[in-house]
Amino acid sequence: MKHTTHLPERRPIRDRRGAAATAAPSPARTAPRRRRPVSQQWAAWAFLAPVAVYLVLFYAYPLYRNLDLSLRDYTVRSFVQGDAPFTGLENYQKVFGDPTFGPALIHTVVFTVVCLVLQYAIGLALAVFFHQHFRLSATLRALFLVPWLLPLIVSASTWSWMLNSDSGVINAALHAVGIGPVHWLTSPDWSLTSVIVANIWIGVPFNLVVLHSGLQSIPHSLYEAAALDGASAWRRFWSITFPLLRPVSAITLLLGLVYTLKVFDIIWIMTKGGPADSSTTFATWSYRLGFGNLLPAFGPGAAVGNLLVAAALVFGLVYLKVQRKQYAS
């Protein structure tokens, strides 16, 4: 008989809790990052350079120059020679102490809020109306874009002619129904209203286009399900359309706010901020201080302009934050 040798059975190594220990896998070797060739890096910088130069020349330098103007006592002579003394916040103190500051602030707020609310409301109503896709809806929607495509000087001149006290078509229509002439552009009671109406007419197409695009992204099946449940058209609007349009509405309102804050062309062409500063906003006041007088006040004018820049910058940061939240969700 042959004797066979029995080797002891190998038992798995166990940890303190009695569980079989497994060998840890060896970490995978990661390939080293390949650096881009120098030619590709130079190509990327070459494409970026025009944008950087444009931003520096037309954004960064004007902002720096305007800030420097607001911190110095510039006159025509010192503006040419460049030897204006540094005055700190004295120009801002002059602006805050000017009697025009209060009315200009109120007019800016009223002009911005009224235009923003009515442009959005009318644009949303038209977007919902054209969302029905009836016959000639595309043609009519294209016609509504005409105010947005016209140059601002043309639109403002057209409204000035229409609201003329003597020969305007608005007063002619009012006279036909027995209402006396209204001094739209020369009366302190109506001048701000006139420029608000003109700016609303110009801004409605932008709201129409953006909101109509937002409506296209809402699934039609939601409306069909709501109709099967017996929801009325008004109920469908408040429960489906309006909530799902909130991201688009937020962006539309923020962009409209930044744009409306700096409106200058329409007001200056129609009323020049008058009469008696009844339609003066920060934009027209800044221009008038810097260029509208025989003795220009460059420092205070730049200070008013910087207040507008600060307000637009705050709302611009809010816009970026809203966009970031929208992309994250």
Protein backbone atom coordinates (compact mmCIF):
# COMPACT_ATOMS: atom_id res chain seq x y z
CA MET A 1 0.00 0.00 0.00
CA LYS A 2 1.16 3.39 -0.87
CA HIS A 3 0.92 6.03 1.78
CA THR A 4 -0.42 9.35 0.52
CA THR A 5 0.51 12.53 2.28
CA HIS A 6 -2.47 14.74 3.08
CA LEU A 7 -1.64 18.43 3.04
CA PRO A 8 -3.48 20.58 5.55
CA GLU A 9 -6.47 22.38 4.09
CA ARG A 10 -5.87 26.11 3.52
CA ARG A 11 -8.47 28.16 5.17
CA PRO A 12 -9.35 31.68 4.04
CA ILE A 13 -7.93 34.43 6.13
CA ARG A 14 -10.66 35.96 8.23
CA ASP A 15 -10.80 39.29 9.91
CA ARG A 16 -11.75 39.87 13.51
CA ARG A 17 -15.50 39.65 12.71
CA GLY A 18 -15.04 36.26 11.02
CA ALA A 19 -15.57 37.50 7.50
CA ALA A 20 -13.35 36.25 4.77
CA ALA A 21 -10.78 38.82 3.81
CA THR A 22 -10.45 39.59 0.15
CA ALA A 23 -7.43 40.88 -1.49
CA ALA A 24 -7.71 44.55 -2.38
CA PRO A 25 -7.65 45.12 -6.10
CA SER A 26 -4.62 46.87 -7.36
CA PRO A 27 -5.34 50.46 -8.33
CA ALA A 28 -5.73 51.03 -12.03
CA ARG A 29 -2.98 53.01 -13.55
CA THR A 30 -4.24 56.27 -14.94
CA ALA A 31 -2.75 57.48 -18.12
CA PRO A 32 -0.89 60.76 -17.74
CA ARG A 33 -2.65 63.83 -19.10
CA ARG A 34 -1.37 64.75 -22.47
CA ARG A 35 -0.48 68.36 -22.81
CA ARG A 36 -1.81 70.20 -25.78
CA PRO A 37 0.72 71.03 -28.44
CA VAL A 38 2.08 74.53 -28.33
CA SER A 39 0.50 75.27 -31.70
CA GLN A 40 -2.99 74.50 -30.35
CA GLN A 41 -2.40 76.70 -27.31
CA TRP A 42 -1.33 79.60 -29.51
CA ALA A 43 -4.37 79.03 -31.73
CA ALA A 44 -6.70 79.19 -28.70
CA TRP A 45 -5.11 82.45 -27.51
CA ALA A 46 -5.31 83.86 -31.04
CA PHE A 47 -9.06 83.24 -31.18
CA LEU A 48 -9.51 84.68 -27.67
CA ALA A 49 -7.43 87.81 -28.28
CA PRO A 50 -9.99 89.79 -30.39
CA VAL A 51 -12.69 89.27 -27.75
CA ALA A 52 -10.34 90.31 -24.96
CA VAL A 53 -9.23 93.42 -26.84
CA TYR A 54 -12.86 94.33 -27.58
CA LEU A 55 -13.87 93.96 -23.91
CA VAL A 56 -10.93 96.03 -22.72
CA LEU A 57 -11.40 98.84 -25.24
CA PHE A 58 -15.18 99.16 -25.18
CA TYR A 59 -16.09 98.02 -21.66
CA ALA A 60 -13.24 98.01 -19.18
CA TYR A 61 -11.59 101.28 -20.23
CA PRO A 62 -14.84 103.31 -20.49
CA LEU A 63 -15.89 102.08 -17.03
CA TYR A 64 -12.51 103.01 -15.61
CA ARG A 65 -12.63 106.39 -17.35
CA ASN A 66 -16.13 107.13 -16.08
CA LEU A 67 -15.10 106.22 -12.54
CA ASP A 68 -12.09 108.51 -12.81
CA LEU A 69 -14.32 111.35 -14.08
CA SER A 70 -16.62 110.96 -11.08
CA LEU A 71 -13.72 111.22 -8.61
CA ARG A 72 -12.11 114.37 -10.03
CA ASP A 73 -13.05 117.98 -10.71
CA TYR A 74 -12.98 118.04 -14.48
CA THR A 75 -13.57 121.15 -16.56
CA VAL A 76 -13.17 121.62 -20.29
CA ARG A 77 -9.59 122.84 -19.82
CA SER A 78 -8.60 120.14 -17.33
CA PHE A 79 -10.32 117.50 -19.46
CA VAL A 80 -8.04 118.42 -22.37
CA GLN A 81 -4.87 118.87 -20.32
CA GLY A 82 -5.57 115.98 -17.94
CA ASP A 83 -4.67 117.86 -14.71
CA ALA A 84 -7.99 117.63 -12.86
CA PRO A 85 -7.58 117.52 -9.05
CA PHE A 86 -8.80 114.50 -7.12
CA THR A 87 -11.96 115.29 -5.11
CA GLY A 88 -13.04 111.88 -3.85
CA LEU A 89 -16.79 111.51 -3.32
CA GLU A 90 -17.52 115.23 -3.65
CA ASN A 91 -19.28 114.78 -7.00
CA TYR A 92 -21.52 112.11 -5.52
CA GLN A 93 -22.39 114.45 -2.65
CA LYS A 94 -23.32 117.13 -5.19
CA VAL A 95 -25.57 114.65 -7.01
CA PHE A 96 -27.35 113.51 -3.84
CA GLY A 97 -27.81 117.12 -2.74
CA ASP A 98 -29.13 118.32 -6.11
CA PRO A 99 -32.89 119.12 -6.15
CA THR A 100 -33.18 117.12 -9.37
CA PHE A 101 -32.05 113.90 -7.71
CA GLY A 102 -35.37 113.11 -6.01
CA PRO A 103 -37.64 113.66 -9.04
CA ALA A 104 -35.18 111.90 -11.36
CA LEU A 105 -35.06 108.88 -9.04
CA ILE A 106 -38.88 108.73 -8.86
CA HIS A 107 -39.22 109.11 -12.63
CA THR A 108 -36.61 106.38 -13.22
CA VAL A 109 -38.41 103.96 -10.89
CA VAL A 110 -41.87 104.74 -12.31
CA PHE A 111 -40.65 104.56 -15.90
CA THR A 112 -38.85 101.24 -15.31
CA VAL A 113 -41.57 99.50 -13.28
CA VAL A 114 -44.54 100.56 -15.43
CA CYS A 115 -42.77 99.72 -18.68
CA LEU A 116 -41.55 96.39 -17.35
CA VAL A 117 -44.94 95.25 -16.01
CA LEU A 118 -46.98 96.32 -19.04
CA GLN A 119 -44.45 95.03 -21.58
CA TYR A 120 -44.47 91.64 -19.88
CA ALA A 121 -48.26 91.50 -19.45
CA ILE A 122 -49.00 92.51 -23.05
CA GLY A 123 -46.23 90.29 -24.41
CA LEU A 124 -47.51 87.29 -22.43
CA ALA A 125 -51.10 87.87 -23.59
CA LEU A 126 -49.96 88.06 -27.22
CA ALA A 127 -47.74 84.98 -26.82
CA VAL A 128 -50.66 82.94 -25.47
CA PHE A 129 -52.89 84.29 -28.25
CA PHE A 130 -50.45 83.35 -31.02
CA HIS A 131 -49.82 79.96 -29.42
CA GLN A 132 -53.19 78.84 -30.83
CA HIS A 133 -51.67 78.48 -34.34
CA PHE A 134 -54.64 79.85 -36.23
CA ARG A 135 -54.55 80.91 -39.86
CA LEU A 136 -52.13 83.79 -40.58
CA SER A 137 -50.82 83.63 -37.00
CA ALA A 138 -47.21 83.52 -38.20
CA THR A 139 -47.76 86.55 -40.47
CA LEU A 140 -49.38 88.60 -37.72
CA ARG A 141 -46.67 87.63 -35.27
CA ALA A 142 -44.05 88.80 -37.74
CA LEU A 143 -45.83 92.17 -38.07
CA PHE A 144 -45.64 92.62 -34.31
CA LEU A 145 -41.85 92.47 -34.60
CA VAL A 146 -41.70 95.68 -36.65
CA PRO A 147 -41.35 98.03 -33.62
CA TRP A 148 -38.44 95.91 -32.41
CA LEU A 149 -36.67 96.05 -35.78
CA LEU A 150 -36.96 99.80 -36.33
CA PRO A 151 -34.12 102.06 -35.17
CA LEU A 152 -34.93 103.85 -31.93
CA ILE A 153 -34.57 107.27 -33.52
CA VAL A 154 -37.21 106.36 -36.10
CA SER A 155 -39.61 105.01 -33.46
CA ALA A 156 -39.16 108.01 -31.17
CA SER A 157 -39.58 110.50 -34.05
CA THR A 158 -42.75 108.69 -35.17
CA TRP A 159 -44.25 108.90 -31.70
CA SER A 160 -43.27 112.57 -31.44
CA TRP A 161 -45.19 113.24 -34.64
CA MET A 162 -48.20 111.19 -33.53
CA LEU A 163 -48.37 112.95 -30.14
CA ASN A 164 -47.84 116.45 -31.50
CA SER A 165 -50.32 118.83 -29.90
CA ASP A 166 -51.26 120.62 -33.12
CA SER A 167 -50.87 118.15 -35.97
CA GLY A 168 -50.64 114.74 -34.32
CA VAL A 169 -52.96 111.93 -35.32
CA ILE A 170 -53.74 111.11 -31.69
CA ASN A 171 -55.19 114.56 -31.02
CA ALA A 172 -56.96 114.46 -34.39
CA ALA A 173 -58.69 111.22 -33.35
CA LEU A 174 -59.60 112.70 -29.96
CA HIS A 175 -60.96 115.82 -31.63
CA ALA A 176 -63.19 113.63 -33.82
CA VAL A 177 -64.94 112.27 -30.72
CA GLY A 178 -65.25 115.68 -29.06
CA ILE A 179 -62.22 115.61 -26.76
CA GLY A 180 -60.02 118.67 -26.67
CA PRO A 181 -56.33 118.57 -27.59
CA VAL A 182 -53.98 117.02 -25.07
CA HIS A 183 -50.48 118.45 -24.75
CA TRP A 184 -48.76 115.09 -24.61
CA LEU A 185 -45.16 116.25 -24.91
CA THR A 186 -45.33 119.79 -23.54
CA SER A 187 -47.40 119.27 -20.40
CA PRO A 188 -45.74 118.15 -17.12
CA ASP A 189 -48.77 115.96 -16.45
CA TRP A 190 -48.46 113.94 -19.67
CA SER A 191 -44.81 113.96 -20.75
CA LEU A 192 -43.74 110.97 -18.63
CA THR A 193 -46.84 109.05 -19.70
CA SER A 194 -46.03 109.72 -23.35
CA VAL A 195 -42.50 108.32 -23.19
CA ILE A 196 -43.75 105.32 -21.19
CA VAL A 197 -46.31 104.50 -23.89
CA ALA A 198 -43.67 104.77 -26.62
CA ASN A 199 -41.21 102.56 -24.75
CA ILE A 200 -43.89 99.93 -24.06
CA TRP A 201 -44.70 99.82 -27.76
CA ILE A 202 -41.03 99.23 -28.56
CA GLY A 203 -40.46 96.59 -25.85
CA VAL A 204 -43.54 94.38 -26.31
CA PRO A 205 -42.12 92.44 -29.33
CA PHE A 206 -39.10 91.28 -27.30
CA ASN A 207 -41.36 89.86 -24.59
CA LEU A 208 -43.60 88.30 -27.25
CA VAL A 209 -40.71 86.48 -28.95
CA VAL A 210 -39.11 85.14 -25.77
CA LEU A 211 -42.35 84.10 -24.07
CA HIS A 212 -43.71 82.52 -27.24
CA SER A 213 -40.53 80.45 -27.46
CA GLY A 214 -41.05 79.39 -23.85
CA LEU A 215 -44.59 78.27 -24.61
CA GLN A 216 -43.30 75.96 -27.33
CA SER A 217 -41.42 73.90 -24.72
CA ILE A 218 -44.54 73.11 -22.64
CA PRO A 219 -45.87 69.63 -23.54
CA HIS A 220 -49.30 69.74 -25.15
CA SER A 221 -50.25 66.56 -23.30
CA LEU A 222 -50.52 68.54 -20.07
CA TYR A 223 -53.23 70.73 -21.57
CA GLU A 224 -55.06 67.67 -22.91
CA ALA A 225 -55.01 65.98 -19.51
CA ALA A 226 -56.23 69.15 -17.81
CA ALA A 227 -59.04 69.52 -20.36
CA LEU A 228 -60.13 65.92 -19.72
CA ASP A 229 -60.27 66.72 -16.00
CA GLY A 230 -62.63 69.61 -16.77
CA ALA A 231 -60.17 72.50 -16.19
CA SER A 232 -61.20 75.77 -17.80
CA ALA A 233 -58.90 77.81 -20.01
CA TRP A 234 -58.20 80.24 -17.16
CA ARG A 235 -57.44 77.34 -14.81
CA ARG A 236 -55.08 75.77 -17.34
CA PHE A 237 -53.25 79.07 -17.68
CA TRP A 238 -52.68 79.53 -13.94
CA SER A 239 -51.93 75.86 -13.22
CA ILE A 240 -49.84 74.92 -16.27
CA THR A 241 -48.76 77.85 -18.44
CA PHE A 242 -47.75 80.41 -15.85
CA PRO A 243 -45.80 78.05 -13.49
CA LEU A 244 -43.89 76.39 -16.34
CA LEU A 245 -43.00 79.79 -17.80
CA ARG A 246 -41.38 81.03 -14.60
CA PRO A 247 -37.74 80.40 -15.68
CA VAL A 248 -38.31 82.13 -19.02
CA SER A 249 -40.30 84.91 -17.34
CA ALA A 250 -37.52 85.55 -14.83
CA ILE A 251 -34.92 85.94 -17.56
CA THR A 252 -37.25 88.14 -19.64
CA LEU A 253 -38.01 90.45 -16.72
CA LEU A 254 -34.38 90.76 -15.66
CA LEU A 255 -33.17 91.55 -19.18
CA GLY A 256 -36.02 94.03 -19.63
CA LEU A 257 -35.15 95.67 -16.33
CA VAL A 258 -31.50 96.17 -17.25
CA TYR A 259 -32.48 97.54 -20.66
CA THR A 260 -35.21 99.89 -19.38
CA LEU A 261 -32.97 101.39 -16.70
CA LYS A 262 -30.65 102.83 -19.35
CA VAL A 263 -33.24 104.03 -21.89
CA PHE A 264 -32.10 107.40 -23.17
CA ASP A 265 -32.84 107.77 -26.89
CA ILE A 266 -36.64 107.71 -26.67
CA ILE A 267 -36.91 110.19 -23.80
CA TRP A 268 -34.34 112.61 -25.20
CA ILE A 269 -35.82 112.67 -28.71
CA MET A 270 -39.41 113.06 -27.51
CA THR A 271 -39.17 115.41 -24.51
CA LYS A 272 -35.46 115.95 -23.64
CA GLY A 273 -36.49 115.22 -20.06
CA GLY A 274 -38.90 118.15 -19.90
CA PRO A 275 -40.88 120.18 -19.51
CA ALA A 276 -39.60 121.31 -16.10
CA ASP A 277 -37.82 117.95 -15.57
CA SER A 278 -41.18 116.14 -15.58
CA SER A 279 -39.76 113.24 -17.61
CA THR A 280 -36.13 113.39 -16.49
CA THR A 281 -34.57 110.06 -15.58
CA PHE A 282 -31.04 109.24 -14.47
CA ALA A 283 -30.03 108.52 -18.07
CA THR A 284 -31.15 111.91 -19.43
CA TRP A 285 -29.94 113.75 -16.33
CA SER A 286 -26.46 112.25 -16.67
CA TYR A 287 -26.25 113.34 -20.31
CA ARG A 288 -27.54 116.82 -19.57
CA LEU A 289 -25.03 117.34 -16.77
CA GLY A 290 -22.11 116.24 -18.90
CA PHE A 291 -23.01 117.60 -22.32
CA GLY A 292 -26.24 119.59 -22.21
CA ASN A 293 -25.03 122.78 -20.53
CA LEU A 294 -22.72 125.60 -21.59
CA LEU A 295 -20.54 124.76 -18.59
CA PRO A 296 -20.52 120.95 -18.53
CA ALA A 297 -20.25 119.20 -15.18
CA PHE A 298 -18.35 116.09 -16.19
CA GLY A 299 -17.84 114.84 -12.63
CA PRO A 300 -21.49 114.90 -11.45
CA GLY A 301 -22.63 113.57 -14.83
CA ALA A 302 -20.26 110.64 -14.52
CA ALA A 303 -21.43 110.07 -10.94
CA VAL A 304 -25.05 109.77 -12.07
CA GLY A 305 -23.95 107.41 -14.82
CA ASN A 306 -22.10 105.25 -12.29
CA LEU A 307 -25.26 104.98 -10.20
CA LEU A 308 -27.00 103.54 -13.26
CA VAL A 309 -24.07 101.20 -13.90
CA ALA A 310 -24.21 99.98 -10.29
CA ALA A 311 -27.95 99.32 -10.52
CA ALA A 312 -27.58 97.49 -13.84
CA LEU A 313 -24.65 95.48 -12.41
CA VAL A 314 -26.71 94.35 -9.42
CA PHE A 315 -29.56 93.16 -11.61
CA GLY A 316 -27.06 91.60 -14.01
CA LEU A 317 -25.64 89.51 -11.16
CA VAL A 318 -29.19 88.49 -10.21
CA TYR A 319 -29.72 87.43 -13.83
CA LEU A 320 -26.58 85.27 -13.77
CA LYS A 321 -27.68 83.68 -10.50
CA VAL A 322 -31.11 82.88 -11.92
CA GLN A 323 -29.53 81.38 -15.02
CA ARG A 324 -27.21 79.24 -12.89
CA LYS A 325 -30.15 77.92 -10.88
CA GLN A 326 -32.05 77.18 -14.06
CA TYR A 327 -29.17 75.16 -15.54
CA ALA A 328 -28.68 73.32 -12.23
CA SER A 329 -32.34 72.24 -12.11
